[in-house]
């Protein structure tokens, strides 16, 4: 019985370690009130192949939040960042004005996210940032998708380029880890206090 209890304890520690999550950025500007939170796209000190979230290809994933005050009005942005190693010059670019991703969830539902990062045309890898809403969506839609990403597994990401799209299935073992990005941001926002950013990142 004692051995079984020890094994269960070690298993729980392993699970918690595999979901360990931290920040690249977590700051508040005391003068403007601007808040920026970005999670790390890797578990250990440095990025490794094991941090790839997809069954084929290589995609590294993090999530973020930014808020600004404009004449007393709070403006919020919830987003994801994708670092995509593709090694395919025929894909063209991730274009700021038209770029998007389609997220597919375990329940079969989908959601469109618009590109908010600069145009990226690298022939080996793309870096794209996407607000959690379509171009016709609302702030309520963005918050709703953020909450959904905390609770329902993401199973696929389709990334649209100027010449086509890249379709990535998510590794099952990475699904809880993806949700942990959003849960961490939500927890910190509810606490109302900035946490210290991870050193060296």
C-alpha atoms as a PDB file:
ATOM      1  CA  UNK A   1       0.000   0.000   0.000  1.00  0.00           C
ATOM      2  CA  UNK A   2       2.812   2.370   0.902  1.00  0.00           C
ATOM      3  CA  UNK A   3       4.606   1.651  -2.404  1.00  0.00           C
ATOM      4  CA  UNK A   4       1.398   2.323  -4.342  1.00  0.00           C
ATOM      5  CA  UNK A   5       0.970   5.673  -2.538  1.00  0.00           C
ATOM      6  CA  UNK A   6       4.544   6.687  -3.381  1.00  0.00           C
ATOM      7  CA  UNK A   7       4.045   5.782  -7.036  1.00  0.00           C
ATOM      8  CA  UNK A   8       0.834   7.835  -7.175  1.00  0.00           C
ATOM      9  CA  UNK A   9       2.610  10.792  -5.589  1.00  0.00           C
ATOM     10  CA  UNK A  10       5.493  10.584  -8.073  1.00  0.00           C
ATOM     11  CA  UNK A  11       3.028  10.332 -10.952  1.00  0.00           C
ATOM     12  CA  UNK A  12       1.252  13.494  -9.794  1.00  0.00           C
ATOM     13  CA  UNK A  13       4.567  15.316  -9.518  1.00  0.00           C
ATOM     14  CA  UNK A  14       5.453  14.242 -13.056  1.00  0.00           C
ATOM     15  CA  UNK A  15       2.108  15.477 -14.381  1.00  0.00           C
ATOM     16  CA  UNK A  16       2.497  18.833 -12.667  1.00  0.00           C
ATOM     17  CA  UNK A  17       6.038  19.203 -13.993  1.00  0.00           C
ATOM     18  CA  UNK A  18       4.934  18.383 -17.532  1.00  0.00           C
ATOM     19  CA  UNK A  19       2.362  21.193 -17.317  1.00  0.00           C
ATOM     20  CA  UNK A  20       4.720  23.674 -15.653  1.00  0.00           C
ATOM     21  CA  UNK A  21       4.113  27.067 -17.127  1.00  0.00           C
ATOM     22  CA  UNK A  22       5.787  30.430 -16.784  1.00  0.00           C
ATOM     23  CA  UNK A  23       6.040  33.902 -18.253  1.00  0.00           C
ATOM     24  CA  UNK A  24       8.196  35.573 -20.846  1.00  0.00           C
ATOM     25  CA  UNK A  25       6.605  38.919 -19.957  1.00  0.00           C
ATOM     26  CA  UNK A  26       4.378  39.993 -17.082  1.00  0.00           C
ATOM     27  CA  UNK A  27       4.529  43.720 -16.500  1.00  0.00           C
ATOM     28  CA  UNK A  28       2.377  46.694 -15.579  1.00  0.00           C
ATOM     29  CA  UNK A  29       3.360  50.247 -16.506  1.00  0.00           C
ATOM     30  CA  UNK A  30       2.662  52.318 -13.366  1.00  0.00           C
ATOM     31  CA  UNK A  31       2.322  55.550 -15.362  1.00  0.00           C
ATOM     32  CA  UNK A  32      -0.053  54.380 -18.095  1.00  0.00           C
ATOM     33  CA  UNK A  33      -1.626  51.345 -16.438  1.00  0.00           C
ATOM     34  CA  UNK A  34      -0.760  49.254 -19.479  1.00  0.00           C
ATOM     35  CA  UNK A  35      -0.559  45.528 -18.705  1.00  0.00           C
ATOM     36  CA  UNK A  36       1.289  42.938 -20.801  1.00  0.00           C
ATOM     37  CA  UNK A  37       1.382  39.189 -20.135  1.00  0.00           C
ATOM     38  CA  UNK A  38       2.977  36.600 -22.426  1.00  0.00           C
ATOM     39  CA  UNK A  39       3.505  32.966 -21.459  1.00  0.00           C
ATOM     40  CA  UNK A  40       6.619  30.993 -22.394  1.00  0.00           C
ATOM     41  CA  UNK A  41       6.440  28.645 -25.387  1.00  0.00           C
ATOM     42  CA  UNK A  42       8.787  26.180 -23.683  1.00  0.00           C
ATOM     43  CA  UNK A  43       8.869  24.350 -20.372  1.00  0.00           C
ATOM     44  CA  UNK A  44      12.574  24.312 -19.523  1.00  0.00           C
ATOM     45  CA  UNK A  45      15.132  27.128 -19.599  1.00  0.00           C
ATOM     46  CA  UNK A  46      15.614  26.833 -23.369  1.00  0.00           C
ATOM     47  CA  UNK A  47      13.365  25.828 -26.263  1.00  0.00           C
ATOM     48  CA  UNK A  48      13.668  22.192 -27.365  1.00  0.00           C
ATOM     49  CA  UNK A  49      11.998  19.967 -29.947  1.00  0.00           C
ATOM     50  CA  UNK A  50       9.910  18.485 -27.145  1.00  0.00           C
ATOM     51  CA  UNK A  51       8.086  21.828 -26.838  1.00  0.00           C
ATOM     52  CA  UNK A  52       6.556  21.352 -30.300  1.00  0.00           C
ATOM     53  CA  UNK A  53       2.763  20.993 -29.931  1.00  0.00           C
ATOM     54  CA  UNK A  54       1.931  19.336 -33.280  1.00  0.00           C
ATOM     55  CA  UNK A  55       1.946  15.761 -34.564  1.00  0.00           C
ATOM     56  CA  UNK A  56       3.911  16.714 -37.669  1.00  0.00           C
ATOM     57  CA  UNK A  57       5.989  19.779 -38.397  1.00  0.00           C
ATOM     58  CA  UNK A  58       7.072  22.129 -35.639  1.00  0.00           C
ATOM     59  CA  UNK A  59       4.863  24.735 -33.990  1.00  0.00           C
ATOM     60  CA  UNK A  60       5.666  26.445 -30.704  1.00  0.00           C
ATOM     61  CA  UNK A  61       2.754  28.039 -28.867  1.00  0.00           C
ATOM     62  CA  UNK A  62       2.251  30.760 -26.299  1.00  0.00           C
ATOM     63  CA  UNK A  63      -0.616  32.990 -25.220  1.00  0.00           C
ATOM     64  CA  UNK A  64      -0.863  36.606 -24.176  1.00  0.00           C
ATOM     65  CA  UNK A  65      -2.905  39.483 -22.879  1.00  0.00           C
ATOM     66  CA  UNK A  66      -2.480  43.238 -23.241  1.00  0.00           C
ATOM     67  CA  UNK A  67      -4.537  46.065 -21.810  1.00  0.00           C
ATOM     68  CA  UNK A  68      -4.358  49.820 -22.280  1.00  0.00           C
ATOM     69  CA  UNK A  69      -6.290  52.751 -20.866  1.00  0.00           C
ATOM     70  CA  UNK A  70      -7.557  55.317 -23.375  1.00  0.00           C
ATOM     71  CA  UNK A  71      -9.348  58.284 -21.791  1.00  0.00           C
ATOM     72  CA  UNK A  72     -10.418  56.058 -18.933  1.00  0.00           C
ATOM     73  CA  UNK A  73     -11.622  53.253 -21.225  1.00  0.00           C
ATOM     74  CA  UNK A  74     -10.017  49.840 -20.783  1.00  0.00           C
ATOM     75  CA  UNK A  75      -8.987  48.194 -24.061  1.00  0.00           C
ATOM     76  CA  UNK A  76      -8.075  44.508 -23.842  1.00  0.00           C
ATOM     77  CA  UNK A  77      -6.426  42.157 -26.309  1.00  0.00           C
ATOM     78  CA  UNK A  78      -6.228  38.375 -25.835  1.00  0.00           C
ATOM     79  CA  UNK A  79      -3.947  36.641 -28.314  1.00  0.00           C
ATOM     80  CA  UNK A  80      -1.806  33.652 -29.228  1.00  0.00           C
ATOM     81  CA  UNK A  81       1.680  33.587 -30.737  1.00  0.00           C
ATOM     82  CA  UNK A  82       2.811  30.812 -33.068  1.00  0.00           C
ATOM     83  CA  UNK A  83       6.398  30.093 -34.046  1.00  0.00           C
ATOM     84  CA  UNK A  84       6.124  27.859 -37.118  1.00  0.00           C
ATOM     85  CA  UNK A  85       9.124  26.046 -38.620  1.00  0.00           C
ATOM     86  CA  UNK A  86       7.988  25.182 -42.160  1.00  0.00           C
ATOM     87  CA  UNK A  87      11.035  25.178 -44.528  1.00  0.00           C
ATOM     88  CA  UNK A  88       8.793  25.815 -47.547  1.00  0.00           C
ATOM     89  CA  UNK A  89       9.479  28.880 -49.696  1.00  0.00           C
ATOM     90  CA  UNK A  90       6.281  28.305 -51.707  1.00  0.00           C
ATOM     91  CA  UNK A  91       4.036  29.302 -48.783  1.00  0.00           C
ATOM     92  CA  UNK A  92       4.467  33.045 -49.353  1.00  0.00           C
ATOM     93  CA  UNK A  93       3.790  35.161 -46.278  1.00  0.00           C
ATOM     94  CA  UNK A  94       1.720  35.535 -43.159  1.00  0.00           C
ATOM     95  CA  UNK A  95       0.144  38.853 -44.176  1.00  0.00           C
ATOM     96  CA  UNK A  96      -0.905  41.413 -41.579  1.00  0.00           C
ATOM     97  CA  UNK A  97      -4.025  42.611 -43.408  1.00  0.00           C
ATOM     98  CA  UNK A  98      -5.470  39.187 -44.254  1.00  0.00           C
ATOM     99  CA  UNK A  99      -3.675  36.529 -42.181  1.00  0.00           C
ATOM    100  CA  UNK A 100      -5.722  34.274 -39.946  1.00  0.00           C
ATOM    101  CA  UNK A 101      -5.863  30.905 -38.226  1.00  0.00           C
ATOM    102  CA  UNK A 102      -8.774  28.536 -37.719  1.00  0.00           C
ATOM    103  CA  UNK A 103      -8.845  26.693 -34.399  1.00  0.00           C
ATOM    104  CA  UNK A 104     -10.683  23.368 -34.122  1.00  0.00           C
ATOM    105  CA  UNK A 105     -11.804  22.056 -30.742  1.00  0.00           C
ATOM    106  CA  UNK A 106     -12.454  18.603 -29.347  1.00  0.00           C
ATOM    107  CA  UNK A 107     -16.210  19.219 -29.488  1.00  0.00           C
ATOM    108  CA  UNK A 108     -16.003  19.848 -33.261  1.00  0.00           C
ATOM    109  CA  UNK A 109     -16.502  23.615 -33.048  1.00  0.00           C
ATOM    110  CA  UNK A 110     -14.163  26.071 -34.770  1.00  0.00           C
ATOM    111  CA  UNK A 111     -13.048  29.658 -34.229  1.00  0.00           C
ATOM    112  CA  UNK A 112     -11.284  32.152 -36.481  1.00  0.00           C
ATOM    113  CA  UNK A 113      -8.487  34.379 -35.156  1.00  0.00           C
ATOM    114  CA  UNK A 114      -7.140  37.385 -37.065  1.00  0.00           C
ATOM    115  CA  UNK A 115      -3.451  38.119 -37.503  1.00  0.00           C
ATOM    116  CA  UNK A 116      -2.263  41.149 -35.533  1.00  0.00           C
ATOM    117  CA  UNK A 117       1.491  40.700 -36.027  1.00  0.00           C
ATOM    118  CA  UNK A 118       3.585  42.188 -38.810  1.00  0.00           C
ATOM    119  CA  UNK A 119       3.806  40.444 -42.172  1.00  0.00           C
ATOM    120  CA  UNK A 120       6.238  37.499 -42.034  1.00  0.00           C
ATOM    121  CA  UNK A 121       7.760  36.079 -45.243  1.00  0.00           C
ATOM    122  CA  UNK A 122      10.637  33.962 -43.980  1.00  0.00           C
ATOM    123  CA  UNK A 123      11.328  30.931 -46.192  1.00  0.00           C
ATOM    124  CA  UNK A 124      12.172  28.703 -43.217  1.00  0.00           C
ATOM    125  CA  UNK A 125       9.913  29.815 -40.366  1.00  0.00           C
ATOM    126  CA  UNK A 126       7.006  32.133 -39.603  1.00  0.00           C
ATOM    127  CA  UNK A 127       6.219  34.076 -36.444  1.00  0.00           C
ATOM    128  CA  UNK A 128       2.578  35.067 -36.173  1.00  0.00           C
ATOM    129  CA  UNK A 129       0.449  36.730 -33.518  1.00  0.00           C
ATOM    130  CA  UNK A 130      -3.343  36.296 -33.623  1.00  0.00           C
ATOM    131  CA  UNK A 131      -6.104  38.043 -31.673  1.00  0.00           C
ATOM    132  CA  UNK A 132      -8.723  35.629 -30.347  1.00  0.00           C
ATOM    133  CA  UNK A 133     -11.424  37.005 -32.644  1.00  0.00           C
ATOM    134  CA  UNK A 134     -12.186  37.369 -36.328  1.00  0.00           C
ATOM    135  CA  UNK A 135     -12.041  40.739 -38.075  1.00  0.00           C
ATOM    136  CA  UNK A 136     -15.784  41.094 -37.595  1.00  0.00           C
ATOM    137  CA  UNK A 137     -15.774  39.867 -33.997  1.00  0.00           C
ATOM    138  CA  UNK A 138     -16.245  41.773 -30.747  1.00  0.00           C
ATOM    139  CA  UNK A 139     -14.364  42.115 -27.477  1.00  0.00           C
ATOM    140  CA  UNK A 140     -16.939  39.793 -25.917  1.00  0.00           C
ATOM    141  CA  UNK A 141     -16.155  37.193 -28.615  1.00  0.00           C
ATOM    142  CA  UNK A 142     -12.459  37.492 -27.784  1.00  0.00           C
ATOM    143  CA  UNK A 143     -12.999  36.968 -24.060  1.00  0.00           C
ATOM    144  CA  UNK A 144     -15.380  34.107 -24.796  1.00  0.00           C
ATOM    145  CA  UNK A 145     -12.801  32.314 -26.933  1.00  0.00           C
ATOM    146  CA  UNK A 146     -10.166  32.863 -24.248  1.00  0.00           C
ATOM    147  CA  UNK A 147     -12.429  31.153 -21.705  1.00  0.00           C
ATOM    148  CA  UNK A 148     -13.155  28.320 -24.130  1.00  0.00           C
ATOM    149  CA  UNK A 149      -9.432  27.719 -24.661  1.00  0.00           C
ATOM    150  CA  UNK A 150      -9.082  27.240 -20.895  1.00  0.00           C
ATOM    151  CA  UNK A 151     -11.671  24.479 -20.764  1.00  0.00           C
ATOM    152  CA  UNK A 152     -11.943  22.628 -24.104  1.00  0.00           C
ATOM    153  CA  UNK A 153      -9.052  20.834 -25.786  1.00  0.00           C
ATOM    154  CA  UNK A 154      -7.676  22.331 -28.982  1.00  0.00           C
ATOM    155  CA  UNK A 155      -7.211  19.578 -31.583  1.00  0.00           C
ATOM    156  CA  UNK A 156      -6.126  21.393 -34.750  1.00  0.00           C
ATOM    157  CA  UNK A 157      -4.717  24.695 -35.992  1.00  0.00           C
ATOM    158  CA  UNK A 158      -4.972  25.755 -39.636  1.00  0.00           C
ATOM    159  CA  UNK A 159      -2.660  28.643 -40.473  1.00  0.00           C
ATOM    160  CA  UNK A 160      -3.421  30.656 -43.611  1.00  0.00           C
ATOM    161  CA  UNK A 161      -0.671  32.163 -45.752  1.00  0.00           C
ATOM    162  CA  UNK A 162      -0.828  34.238 -48.928  1.00  0.00           C
ATOM    163  CA  UNK A 163      -0.330  31.074 -51.000  1.00  0.00           C
ATOM    164  CA  UNK A 164      -2.304  28.453 -49.085  1.00  0.00           C
ATOM    165  CA  UNK A 165      -2.539  27.059 -45.581  1.00  0.00           C
ATOM    166  CA  UNK A 166      -0.766  24.810 -43.107  1.00  0.00           C
ATOM    167  CA  UNK A 167      -2.874  22.263 -41.250  1.00  0.00           C
ATOM    168  CA  UNK A 168      -1.518  21.026 -37.911  1.00  0.00           C
ATOM    169  CA  UNK A 169      -3.062  18.383 -35.662  1.00  0.00           C
ATOM    170  CA  UNK A 170      -2.236  18.850 -31.964  1.00  0.00           C
ATOM    171  CA  UNK A 171      -0.501  16.065 -30.049  1.00  0.00           C
ATOM    172  CA  UNK A 172      -2.962  14.691 -27.467  1.00  0.00           C
ATOM    173  CA  UNK A 173      -0.390  14.999 -24.697  1.00  0.00           C
ATOM    174  CA  UNK A 174       0.009  18.717 -25.460  1.00  0.00           C
ATOM    175  CA  UNK A 175      -3.701  19.550 -25.206  1.00  0.00           C
ATOM    176  CA  UNK A 176      -3.744  20.076 -21.402  1.00  0.00           C
ATOM    177  CA  UNK A 177      -0.519  22.092 -21.690  1.00  0.00           C
ATOM    178  CA  UNK A 178      -2.128  24.452 -24.214  1.00  0.00           C
ATOM    179  CA  UNK A 179      -5.048  25.026 -21.866  1.00  0.00           C
ATOM    180  CA  UNK A 180      -2.601  25.815 -19.057  1.00  0.00           C
ATOM    181  CA  UNK A 181      -1.355  28.907 -20.933  1.00  0.00           C
ATOM    182  CA  UNK A 182      -4.795  30.494 -20.708  1.00  0.00           C
ATOM    183  CA  UNK A 183      -5.477  29.288 -17.181  1.00  0.00           C
ATOM    184  CA  UNK A 184      -2.239  30.912 -16.004  1.00  0.00           C
ATOM    185  CA  UNK A 185      -3.141  34.270 -17.568  1.00  0.00           C
ATOM    186  CA  UNK A 186      -6.639  34.097 -16.130  1.00  0.00           C
ATOM    187  CA  UNK A 187      -5.331  33.301 -12.667  1.00  0.00           C
ATOM    188  CA  UNK A 188      -2.869  36.205 -12.713  1.00  0.00           C
ATOM    189  CA  UNK A 189      -5.486  38.664 -13.988  1.00  0.00           C
ATOM    190  CA  UNK A 190      -7.859  37.641 -11.207  1.00  0.00           C
ATOM    191  CA  UNK A 191      -5.107  38.113  -8.640  1.00  0.00           C
ATOM    192  CA  UNK A 192      -4.559  41.632  -9.961  1.00  0.00           C
ATOM    193  CA  UNK A 193      -0.840  41.526  -9.234  1.00  0.00           C
ATOM    194  CA  UNK A 194       1.972  41.134 -11.790  1.00  0.00           C
ATOM    195  CA  UNK A 195       4.192  38.115 -11.278  1.00  0.00           C
ATOM    196  CA  UNK A 196       7.913  38.267 -11.850  1.00  0.00           C
ATOM    197  CA  UNK A 197       8.905  37.443 -15.433  1.00  0.00           C
ATOM    198  CA  UNK A 198      11.093  34.403 -15.925  1.00  0.00           C
ATOM    199  CA  UNK A 199      14.754  35.424 -15.831  1.00  0.00           C
ATOM    200  CA  UNK A 200      16.696  35.155 -19.042  1.00  0.00           C
ATOM    201  CA  UNK A 201      13.630  35.195 -21.307  1.00  0.00           C
END
